Protein backbone atom coordinates (compact mmCIF):
# COMPACT_ATOMS: atom_id res chain seq x y z
CA UNK A 1 61.91 88.48 98.31
CA UNK A 2 60.86 84.70 97.02
CA UNK A 3 63.36 84.30 94.46
CA UNK A 4 61.13 82.79 92.10
CA UNK A 5 64.11 80.52 91.03
CA UNK A 6 62.96 78.27 94.21
CA UNK A 7 61.29 75.60 94.28
CA UNK A 8 58.45 75.32 96.84
CA UNK A 9 57.83 72.73 98.99
CA UNK A 10 54.43 72.40 101.25
CA UNK A 11 55.02 70.40 104.46
CA UNK A 12 52.30 68.84 106.30
CA UNK A 13 53.55 68.62 109.89
CA UNK A 14 51.75 67.25 113.53
CA UNK A 15 50.68 70.00 115.77
CA UNK A 16 54.12 69.26 118.28
CA UNK A 17 56.62 69.11 116.08
CA UNK A 18 55.85 72.53 114.59
CA UNK A 19 55.93 73.83 117.90
CA UNK A 20 58.94 72.08 118.51
CA UNK A 21 60.59 73.69 115.15
CA UNK A 22 59.32 77.12 115.85
CA UNK A 23 60.76 76.83 119.30
CA UNK A 24 64.66 75.67 118.09
CA UNK A 25 64.50 77.63 115.40
CA UNK A 26 63.84 81.07 117.85
CA UNK A 27 66.49 79.14 120.30
CA UNK A 28 69.18 79.12 117.43
CA UNK A 29 68.27 82.86 115.84
CA UNK A 30 66.33 81.35 112.63
CA UNK A 31 63.06 81.42 111.28
CA UNK A 32 61.43 77.88 110.70
CA UNK A 33 62.08 78.10 106.75
CA UNK A 34 65.77 78.65 107.71
CA UNK A 35 65.86 76.07 109.98
CA UNK A 36 64.35 73.47 107.76
CA UNK A 37 66.58 74.31 105.30
CA UNK A 38 69.86 74.39 107.54
CA UNK A 39 68.48 70.69 108.60
CA UNK A 40 68.57 69.76 105.14
CA UNK A 41 71.47 70.81 104.03
CA UNK A 42 72.75 69.07 107.42
CA UNK A 43 71.41 65.49 105.98
CA UNK A 44 73.01 66.43 102.56
CA UNK A 45 76.32 67.13 103.53
CA UNK A 46 76.06 64.09 106.13
CA UNK A 47 74.51 61.91 103.33
CA UNK A 48 77.44 62.87 101.05
CA UNK A 49 80.32 62.13 103.26
CA UNK A 50 79.17 58.77 103.29
CA UNK A 51 78.13 57.93 100.46
CA UNK A 52 79.77 60.53 97.60
CA UNK A 53 78.53 63.24 96.00
CA UNK A 54 75.07 63.98 94.48
CA UNK A 55 75.22 65.56 90.82
CA UNK A 56 72.18 67.25 89.33
CA UNK A 57 71.32 66.07 85.75
CA UNK A 58 72.37 68.75 83.35
CA UNK A 59 69.25 69.03 81.72
CA UNK A 60 68.20 70.65 84.71
CA UNK A 61 64.92 67.98 84.85
CA UNK A 62 65.06 68.20 88.47
CA UNK A 63 61.78 67.55 90.22
């Protein structure tokens, strides 16, 4: 069930990347959406490890 508090992100990707994403997702036992979220979280974790924590604005003005 979709969480209505979550943001929706439309993404256009070339067919070859789409195929490879689904291939890896299936191999790792994730949906394509879960794989993308995993990769985003990993990217943010790696960034914050070197550059410091990113703090969202207190007023919820996140784009």
